[in-house]
Amino acid sequence: QDIYKETLLYKEGATFPMKVPAGQLFVLGDNRTTAVDSRAFGTIPIQDTHGKVVTVLRRRGF
């Protein structure tokens, strides 16, 4: 049984692939089928957020 669900694109949402500009964040909700996040409204200014980084994920070669 697949645990992943297809991610639907929002009609007015961000286009992919995309580069996140310096000083901006791409945020994702934890329920990808119902979350309204950066896929819908694009990146947000980092100064508009509050939080603490607990993990950084990187691909090899970056």
Protein backbone atom coordinates (compact mmCIF):
# COMPACT_ATOMS: atom_id res chain seq x y z
CA GLN A 1 0.00 0.00 0.00
CA ASP A 2 1.36 3.41 -0.98
CA ILE A 3 1.77 5.85 1.86
CA TYR A 4 2.30 8.82 -0.45
CA LYS A 5 -0.46 10.82 -2.04
CA GLU A 6 -0.26 12.87 -5.20
CA THR A 7 0.36 16.57 -4.60
CA LEU A 8 -2.12 18.64 -6.54
CA LEU A 9 -1.04 22.03 -7.86
CA TYR A 10 -2.97 25.08 -6.75
CA LYS A 11 -4.54 27.06 -9.60
CA GLU A 12 -2.85 30.34 -8.55
CA GLY A 13 0.06 28.69 -6.73
CA ALA A 14 3.82 28.58 -7.10
CA THR A 15 5.36 27.08 -10.24
CA PHE A 16 8.01 24.38 -10.08
CA PRO A 17 10.88 23.89 -10.15
CA MET A 18 11.57 27.07 -8.21
CA LYS A 19 14.51 28.70 -6.46
CA VAL A 20 13.89 30.15 -3.02
CA PRO A 21 15.32 33.69 -2.97
CA ALA A 22 17.74 34.80 -0.25
CA GLY A 23 15.86 36.02 2.81
CA GLN A 24 12.77 33.93 1.97
CA LEU A 25 11.40 30.58 3.19
CA PHE A 26 9.38 27.88 1.46
CA VAL A 27 7.05 26.46 4.12
CA LEU A 28 5.11 23.19 3.97
CA GLY A 29 2.22 22.00 6.10
CA ASP A 30 2.35 18.54 7.64
CA ASN A 31 -0.78 17.31 5.84
CA ARG A 32 0.10 17.75 2.19
CA THR A 33 -3.37 16.97 0.83
CA THR A 34 -5.14 19.70 2.85
CA ALA A 35 -2.39 22.16 3.84
CA VAL A 36 -2.38 25.67 2.40
CA ASP A 37 1.30 26.55 2.35
CA SER A 38 4.03 27.86 0.02
CA ARG A 39 2.70 25.64 -2.76
CA ALA A 40 -0.34 27.95 -2.74
CA PHE A 41 1.07 31.35 -1.84
CA GLY A 42 4.79 31.15 -2.63
CA THR A 43 7.73 32.01 -0.40
CA ILE A 44 7.52 34.20 2.70
CA PRO A 45 10.01 36.70 4.16
CA ILE A 46 12.17 35.08 6.84
CA GLN A 47 11.64 38.07 9.16
CA ASP A 48 7.89 37.27 9.20
CA THR A 49 8.53 33.93 10.94
CA HIS A 50 9.34 32.81 14.47
CA GLY A 51 10.78 29.44 15.30
CA LYS A 52 13.80 27.27 15.89
CA VAL A 53 15.62 25.10 13.35
CA VAL A 54 15.77 21.53 14.64
CA THR A 55 16.94 19.69 11.49
CA VAL A 56 18.52 20.68 8.20
CA LEU A 57 18.11 18.24 5.31
CA ARG A 58 20.57 18.42 2.44
CA ARG A 59 21.17 16.42 -0.67
CA ARG A 60 24.65 15.18 -1.45
CA GLY A 61 26.67 17.61 -3.50
CA PHE A 62 25.04 20.73 -2.05
